[in-house]
Protein backbone atom coordinates (compact mmCIF):
# COMPACT_ATOMS: atom_id res chain seq x y z
CA UNK A 1 72.36 0.40 -57.34
CA UNK A 2 75.38 2.40 -59.30
CA UNK A 3 74.41 3.64 -62.61
CA UNK A 4 76.21 2.86 -65.60
CA UNK A 5 77.83 6.22 -67.51
CA UNK A 6 78.46 7.16 -70.70
CA UNK A 7 81.89 7.93 -72.08
CA UNK A 8 81.53 11.63 -72.08
CA UNK A 9 80.01 11.69 -68.06
CA UNK A 10 82.35 12.44 -65.54
CA UNK A 11 82.04 10.74 -61.85
CA UNK A 12 81.82 14.15 -60.67
CA UNK A 13 78.70 15.19 -63.03
CA UNK A 14 77.53 12.33 -62.20
CA UNK A 15 77.49 11.86 -58.17
CA UNK A 16 75.70 15.58 -58.86
CA UNK A 17 72.79 14.28 -60.34
CA UNK A 18 72.48 11.03 -58.16
CA UNK A 19 71.97 14.03 -55.15
CA UNK A 20 69.45 16.03 -56.98
CA UNK A 21 67.39 12.67 -58.95
CA UNK A 22 66.10 10.85 -55.82
CA UNK A 23 63.12 13.23 -55.03
CA UNK A 24 62.34 12.29 -58.73
CA UNK A 25 62.42 8.38 -58.59
CA UNK A 26 59.59 6.41 -58.16
CA UNK A 27 59.37 3.66 -54.96
CA UNK A 28 61.23 1.04 -56.13
CA UNK A 29 62.73 2.85 -58.94
CA UNK A 30 66.71 2.38 -60.27
CA UNK A 31 68.70 4.80 -61.93
CA UNK A 32 70.23 2.24 -64.68
CA UNK A 33 72.31 4.99 -67.22
CA UNK A 34 73.18 8.20 -67.36
CA UNK A 35 74.32 9.92 -70.12
CA UNK A 36 75.17 13.41 -70.82
CA UNK A 37 72.34 16.28 -72.88
CA UNK A 38 72.82 19.43 -74.20
CA UNK A 39 68.70 20.32 -74.46
CA UNK A 40 68.56 24.38 -74.49
CA UNK A 41 64.68 24.40 -75.07
CA UNK A 42 63.46 23.03 -72.10
CA UNK A 43 67.29 23.16 -70.77
CA UNK A 44 68.44 19.56 -70.19
CA UNK A 45 72.07 18.56 -69.09
CA UNK A 46 71.36 15.20 -68.02
CA UNK A 47 69.86 12.20 -69.33
CA UNK A 48 68.24 9.27 -66.69
CA UNK A 49 67.81 5.37 -68.04
CA UNK A 50 65.99 3.97 -65.44
CA UNK A 51 64.39 0.62 -64.91
CA UNK A 52 60.59 2.20 -65.94
CA UNK A 53 61.23 5.61 -67.88
CA UNK A 54 63.24 7.63 -70.02
CA UNK A 55 63.99 10.89 -67.98
CA UNK A 56 65.37 13.95 -69.41
CA UNK A 57 66.54 16.89 -66.88
CA UNK A 58 68.72 19.77 -65.78
CA UNK A 59 69.91 19.63 -62.80
CA UNK A 60 69.59 22.91 -61.63
CA UNK A 61 65.65 22.65 -62.11
CA UNK A 62 65.30 19.96 -59.88
CA UNK A 63 67.03 21.27 -57.10
CA UNK A 64 64.86 24.62 -57.15
CA UNK A 65 61.84 21.53 -57.23
CA UNK A 66 61.17 21.76 -60.60
CA UNK A 67 59.87 18.76 -62.76
CA UNK A 68 61.70 16.35 -65.14
CA UNK A 69 61.17 18.82 -68.81
CA UNK A 70 60.73 14.92 -70.24
CA UNK A 71 59.74 11.78 -69.07
CA UNK A 72 58.91 8.25 -70.99
CA UNK A 73 57.59 5.33 -69.48
CA UNK A 74 58.56 2.26 -70.68
CA UNK A 75 55.39 1.09 -71.46
CA UNK A 76 54.80 4.20 -73.57
CA UNK A 77 57.86 3.08 -76.05
CA UNK A 78 56.50 2.16 -78.93
CA UNK A 79 59.90 3.14 -81.03
CA UNK A 80 63.09 4.81 -80.10
CA UNK A 81 66.24 5.69 -82.98
CA UNK A 82 69.03 8.30 -83.50
CA UNK A 83 69.33 10.77 -85.30
CA UNK A 84 72.22 12.43 -86.67
CA UNK A 85 72.13 16.36 -87.23
CA UNK A 86 74.50 18.98 -88.25
CA UNK A 87 74.12 20.30 -84.73
CA UNK A 88 74.54 16.75 -82.98
CA UNK A 89 72.95 13.36 -82.00
CA UNK A 90 68.64 12.98 -80.62
CA UNK A 91 67.61 10.32 -79.05
CA UNK A 92 63.80 10.30 -80.27
CA UNK A 93 61.42 8.23 -78.91
CA UNK A 94 57.90 7.99 -80.27
CA UNK A 95 55.08 7.16 -77.80
CA UNK A 96 52.26 5.09 -78.45
CA UNK A 97 50.24 7.90 -78.88
CA UNK A 98 52.53 9.01 -81.76
CA UNK A 99 53.58 11.65 -79.52
CA UNK A 100 57.60 12.30 -80.39
CA UNK A 101 60.19 13.35 -77.78
CA UNK A 102 63.24 14.39 -78.57
CA UNK A 103 66.73 14.40 -76.27
CA UNK A 104 69.35 15.99 -77.50
CA UNK A 105 73.00 13.97 -77.42
CA UNK A 106 76.39 15.51 -76.39
CA UNK A 107 78.95 13.01 -76.81
CA UNK A 108 80.11 10.38 -79.81
CA UNK A 109 79.42 7.56 -81.51
CA UNK A 110 80.00 5.08 -78.16
CA UNK A 111 77.30 7.66 -76.05
CA UNK A 112 75.73 7.23 -78.83
CA UNK A 113 75.45 3.19 -78.64
CA UNK A 114 75.37 3.47 -74.95
CA UNK A 115 71.58 5.21 -74.99
CA UNK A 116 70.15 2.88 -77.19
CA UNK A 117 71.49 0.06 -75.28
CA UNK A 118 69.84 0.94 -72.06
CA UNK A 119 66.71 2.31 -74.29
CA UNK A 120 65.98 -0.90 -75.85
CA UNK A 121 66.37 -3.01 -72.32
CA UNK A 122 64.17 -0.90 -71.00
CA UNK A 123 61.84 -0.96 -73.82
CA UNK A 124 62.14 -5.12 -74.15
CA UNK A 125 61.90 -5.41 -70.40
CA UNK A 126 59.06 -2.72 -69.91
CA UNK A 127 56.79 -1.21 -67.27
CA UNK A 128 57.48 -2.99 -63.62
CA UNK A 129 54.34 -4.15 -61.89
CA UNK A 130 55.09 -3.59 -58.26
CA UNK A 131 56.01 0.21 -59.31
CA UNK A 132 52.97 0.70 -61.00
CA UNK A 133 51.30 -0.45 -58.01
CA UNK A 134 53.00 1.65 -55.66
CA UNK A 135 52.31 4.93 -57.92
CA UNK A 136 48.81 3.73 -57.86
CA UNK A 137 48.83 3.30 -54.27
CA UNK A 138 50.66 6.19 -53.51
CA UNK A 139 47.60 8.42 -55.59
CA UNK A 140 44.89 6.72 -53.93
CA UNK A 141 46.17 7.83 -50.15
CA UNK A 142 47.06 11.43 -51.58
CA UNK A 143 44.26 13.05 -53.99
CA UNK A 144 45.33 15.67 -54.00
CA UNK A 145 47.62 18.02 -55.89
CA UNK A 146 51.07 17.02 -54.43
CA UNK A 147 53.61 19.52 -53.59
CA UNK A 148 56.43 20.37 -56.25
CA UNK A 149 60.30 18.23 -55.97
CA UNK A 150 59.14 15.24 -55.99
CA UNK A 151 58.09 12.08 -58.15
CA UNK A 152 53.64 12.64 -57.43
CA UNK A 153 53.94 16.14 -58.63
CA UNK A 154 55.77 14.96 -61.71
CA UNK A 155 53.70 12.09 -61.91
CA UNK A 156 50.06 13.80 -62.19
CA UNK A 157 51.82 16.39 -64.52
CA UNK A 158 52.66 13.48 -66.72
CA UNK A 159 48.94 11.68 -66.58
CA UNK A 160 47.66 15.46 -66.94
CA UNK A 161 49.81 15.75 -70.44
CA UNK A 162 48.71 12.42 -71.72
CA UNK A 163 44.92 13.67 -71.30
CA UNK A 164 45.31 16.80 -73.15
CA UNK A 165 44.90 15.00 -76.56
CA UNK A 166 41.18 15.23 -75.00
CA UNK A 167 40.90 19.01 -75.19
CA UNK A 168 39.23 20.79 -77.49
CA UNK A 169 41.54 23.96 -77.75
CA UNK A 170 40.91 26.36 -80.44
CA UNK A 171 42.63 29.57 -80.58
CA UNK A 172 46.76 29.83 -80.69
CA UNK A 173 48.65 27.02 -79.41
CA UNK A 174 49.64 27.12 -75.59
CA UNK A 175 52.82 27.12 -74.78
CA UNK A 176 54.14 25.41 -70.85
CA UNK A 177 53.36 28.63 -69.06
CA UNK A 178 49.82 28.39 -69.93
CA UNK A 179 49.71 24.83 -69.20
CA UNK A 180 51.62 25.19 -65.80
CA UNK A 181 49.09 27.47 -65.07
CA UNK A 182 45.75 25.65 -66.16
CA UNK A 183 47.53 22.86 -64.14
CA UNK A 184 48.01 24.65 -61.22
CA UNK A 185 44.48 25.79 -60.86
CA UNK A 186 42.28 22.06 -61.55
CA UNK A 187 42.86 19.17 -59.73
CA UNK A 188 45.73 15.83 -60.32
CA UNK A 189 43.74 13.80 -62.69
CA UNK A 190 41.79 16.78 -63.85
CA UNK A 191 41.58 18.43 -67.10
CA UNK A 192 39.23 20.64 -68.78
CA UNK A 193 37.04 20.00 -71.70
CA UNK A 194 37.68 23.59 -73.66
CA UNK A 195 40.12 25.82 -73.79
CA UNK A 196 39.75 29.36 -75.71
CA UNK A 197 43.56 30.38 -76.54
CA UNK A 198 44.11 33.82 -77.28
CA UNK A 199 48.09 34.36 -77.30
CA UNK A 200 48.81 37.10 -75.70
CA UNK A 201 45.52 38.65 -74.68
CA UNK A 202 44.95 35.54 -72.25
CA UNK A 203 42.55 32.30 -72.51
CA UNK A 204 39.48 30.99 -70.73
CA UNK A 205 39.47 27.20 -70.11
CA UNK A 206 36.12 25.06 -69.09
CA UNK A 207 36.20 22.70 -66.62
CA UNK A 208 32.62 20.60 -65.60
CA UNK A 209 31.58 23.01 -62.08
CA UNK A 210 34.33 26.15 -63.59
CA UNK A 211 35.79 28.42 -65.74
CA UNK A 212 39.37 30.42 -65.72
CA UNK A 213 40.42 33.36 -67.67
CA UNK A 214 44.51 33.24 -67.47
CA UNK A 215 46.56 36.31 -68.63
CA UNK A 216 50.49 34.90 -68.28
CA UNK A 217 53.23 34.77 -70.13
CA UNK A 218 55.39 37.79 -71.33
CA UNK A 219 53.23 39.14 -73.18
CA UNK A 220 50.09 38.55 -72.27
CA UNK A 221 50.91 39.62 -68.57
CA UNK A 222 52.33 43.09 -69.77
CA UNK A 223 49.06 43.85 -71.88
CA UNK A 224 47.55 42.92 -68.13
CA UNK A 225 49.48 44.86 -66.84
CA UNK A 226 51.04 42.52 -64.25
CA UNK A 227 54.46 42.08 -65.99
CA UNK A 228 56.64 39.30 -65.18
CA UNK A 229 53.29 38.18 -63.71
CA UNK A 230 50.06 37.59 -64.95
CA UNK A 231 45.97 37.33 -64.08
CA UNK A 232 43.91 34.31 -63.23
CA UNK A 233 41.01 33.74 -62.12
CA UNK A 234 38.37 31.36 -61.50
CA UNK A 235 34.61 31.86 -61.92
CA UNK A 236 32.14 28.86 -60.33
CA UNK A 237 29.32 28.14 -63.03
CA UNK A 238 26.60 28.90 -60.38
CA UNK A 239 27.95 32.62 -60.07
CA UNK A 240 27.79 33.20 -63.15
CA UNK A 241 24.97 35.06 -64.39
CA UNK A 242 25.90 35.25 -68.40
CA UNK A 243 28.58 35.28 -70.81
CA UNK A 244 28.76 38.11 -72.96
CA UNK A 245 30.52 39.04 -76.46
CA UNK A 246 30.39 42.62 -78.22
CA UNK A 247 31.88 42.93 -81.43
CA UNK A 248 32.48 44.95 -84.53
CA UNK A 249 33.32 43.88 -87.85
CA UNK A 250 37.07 41.89 -86.70
CA UNK A 251 37.37 41.85 -83.34
CA UNK A 252 35.06 42.16 -80.10
CA UNK A 253 35.33 41.41 -76.22
CA UNK A 254 34.49 38.00 -74.07
CA UNK A 255 33.08 38.93 -70.77
CA UNK A 256 32.22 36.75 -68.26
CA UNK A 257 29.42 38.11 -65.75
CA UNK A 258 29.30 37.83 -62.17
CA UNK A 259 27.34 39.77 -59.29
CA UNK A 260 31.03 40.73 -58.93
CA UNK A 261 31.47 41.52 -62.63
CA UNK A 262 27.87 43.12 -63.53
CA UNK A 263 29.27 44.60 -67.15
CA UNK A 264 28.17 48.47 -66.28
CA UNK A 265 30.75 49.38 -69.07
CA UNK A 266 30.48 48.90 -72.77
CA UNK A 267 34.74 47.18 -72.85
CA UNK A 268 34.85 48.18 -75.86
CA UNK A 269 38.36 46.91 -77.93
CA UNK A 270 38.86 49.87 -79.54
CA UNK A 271 38.42 52.13 -77.21
CA UNK A 272 41.31 51.47 -75.07
CA UNK A 273 43.62 49.91 -78.14
CA UNK A 274 46.85 50.75 -77.52
CA UNK A 275 46.49 52.43 -73.95
CA UNK A 276 48.46 51.78 -70.99
CA UNK A 277 46.94 49.80 -69.19
CA UNK A 278 47.29 50.59 -65.77
CA UNK A 279 45.40 53.91 -66.74
CA UNK A 280 42.37 52.76 -68.20
CA UNK A 281 40.02 50.63 -65.98
CA UNK A 282 38.08 49.77 -69.21
CA UNK A 283 40.97 47.62 -70.80
CA UNK A 284 39.77 44.47 -72.13
CA UNK A 285 43.42 43.32 -71.64
CA UNK A 286 44.10 43.80 -67.93
CA UNK A 287 40.37 43.45 -66.46
CA UNK A 288 40.13 40.05 -64.67
CA UNK A 289 36.99 38.72 -66.51
CA UNK A 290 37.70 39.71 -70.37
CA UNK A 291 39.43 38.05 -73.49
CA UNK A 292 39.70 40.28 -76.43
CA UNK A 293 38.22 37.39 -79.18
CA UNK A 294 38.90 38.30 -83.01
CA UNK A 295 35.31 37.33 -84.57
CA UNK A 296 36.51 35.16 -86.79
CA UNK A 297 37.96 32.55 -83.47
CA UNK A 298 34.90 33.61 -81.57
CA UNK A 299 32.45 32.05 -84.79
CA UNK A 300 35.18 28.80 -84.97
CA UNK A 301 34.68 28.37 -80.64
CA UNK A 302 30.90 28.92 -80.48
CA UNK A 303 29.60 25.70 -80.68
CA UNK A 304 31.58 24.94 -77.31
CA UNK A 305 30.52 28.59 -76.15
CA UNK A 306 27.36 27.61 -76.25
CA UNK A 307 27.56 24.24 -74.37
CA UNK A 308 29.46 26.32 -71.91
CA UNK A 309 26.44 28.46 -71.39
CA UNK A 310 24.48 25.05 -71.09
CA UNK A 311 26.57 24.13 -68.27
CA UNK A 312 26.34 27.04 -66.70
CA UNK A 313 22.74 26.50 -66.31
CA UNK A 314 22.51 23.63 -65.59
CA UNK A 315 24.61 24.29 -62.12
CA UNK A 316 21.95 26.47 -61.08
CA UNK A 317 19.49 23.90 -61.51
CA UNK A 318 18.56 21.55 -58.05
CA UNK A 319 18.82 17.98 -58.80
CA UNK A 320 15.86 16.49 -59.04
CA UNK A 321 16.40 14.16 -55.70
CA UNK A 322 16.67 17.52 -53.76
CA UNK A 323 13.47 18.45 -55.19
CA UNK A 324 10.83 19.25 -51.87
CA UNK A 325 8.40 16.84 -51.34
CA UNK A 326 4.99 17.97 -50.21
CA UNK A 327 3.81 17.89 -46.57
CA UNK A 328 2.45 14.86 -45.18
CA UNK A 329 -0.33 17.46 -43.82
CA UNK A 330 -1.58 18.51 -47.81
CA UNK A 331 -2.35 14.95 -48.57
CA UNK A 332 -4.35 14.15 -45.49
CA UNK A 333 -6.17 17.43 -46.58
CA UNK A 334 -6.76 16.04 -49.82
CA UNK A 335 -8.12 12.72 -48.50
CA UNK A 336 -10.22 14.21 -46.59
CA UNK A 337 -11.75 16.84 -49.04
CA UNK A 338 -12.46 13.69 -51.11
CA UNK A 339 -14.16 12.04 -48.48
CA UNK A 340 -16.58 14.85 -47.82
CA UNK A 341 -17.13 15.08 -51.17
CA UNK A 342 -18.10 11.21 -51.15
CA UNK A 343 -19.55 11.28 -48.14
CA UNK A 344 -22.29 14.22 -49.79
CA UNK A 345 -22.83 11.50 -52.88
CA UNK A 346 -20.64 14.16 -55.43
CA UNK A 347 -18.33 11.26 -55.85
CA UNK A 348 -19.51 7.67 -56.44
CA UNK A 349 -17.22 4.39 -54.10
CA UNK A 350 -14.82 3.96 -57.97
CA UNK A 351 -14.78 7.77 -58.60
CA UNK A 352 -13.43 8.28 -54.67
CA UNK A 353 -11.50 4.84 -54.67
CA UNK A 354 -9.33 6.19 -58.03
CA UNK A 355 -8.88 9.78 -56.89
CA UNK A 356 -7.60 8.83 -53.26
CA UNK A 357 -5.13 6.78 -55.57
CA UNK A 358 -4.38 9.42 -58.31
CA UNK A 359 -3.79 11.67 -54.61
CA UNK A 360 -1.55 9.52 -53.00
CA UNK A 361 0.88 8.62 -56.41
CA UNK A 362 1.01 12.99 -56.66
CA UNK A 363 2.15 13.26 -53.18
CA UNK A 364 4.91 10.41 -53.13
């Protein structure tokens, strides 16, 4: 199917887009229309309206294996409109969860009408059930994290994004680089239940069986002594011995203790304040198991941190079904002892029967 082109889209540009888009299309998904975008944050130069969703993308990102910047499935569209601003027009799509997605359009009034027509058709048609079934089947056949550069990875990211409102986030707002680090260190349908975000000092994300401490992004990686990269460490709950918070009046340090990180040093925030992280071995901004946390933020997160401590303690207890059963020989010895007492006349018939039944129940 040849897509329809908005007036501002040249055929050469459309051909380049259609070369980059196919790996990101769902099974059975067809591109209805293409239009120009002028998005800078995130960068978007193309808009694809398919028979299943609206996709905002940057051609160079797709070619490099990145995901589309924004995508809105047909069955999640509650309303849409085109706003005219001083800098140009913006396609605003409001989702059923009240999230608003904006696509900065590049073009004139004819381009606006073109986009509005196809988005209206998409909203009325809804998401094709056959495509939904194909996605579900493919996800069942590939339960792990999908590699970048295709629709499966993009779909998994979209599912996680839709579940972010379930997460208790305390602290600074998370940026894309933070979400990317969390997504890359979690399963395809897994999100943390709690995030403590300390902006340039890193974040703690708690899952059901582990937590991660991530120091990513320009500021956090610079403070951690890994400019341009980052430090991300995973701590399984059974391996955590304790979580400590050492604080002064305003600032403190949250520290995850394990057999590898004994907490033998006092990781004091002010002791290493403004020092080069590469020249001090007790800088809480540089260490993999510590995060500087302001005292008010710690107090706000204390209920979640207490829950985290409970989950860590529970992970160390063996399930009840795994408790060892008493050996059968102990039951036989107990019954023999009761029989000897009965034979000696120390237990009546009734007492012997009752004691024997109690012993059997105890050893089940």
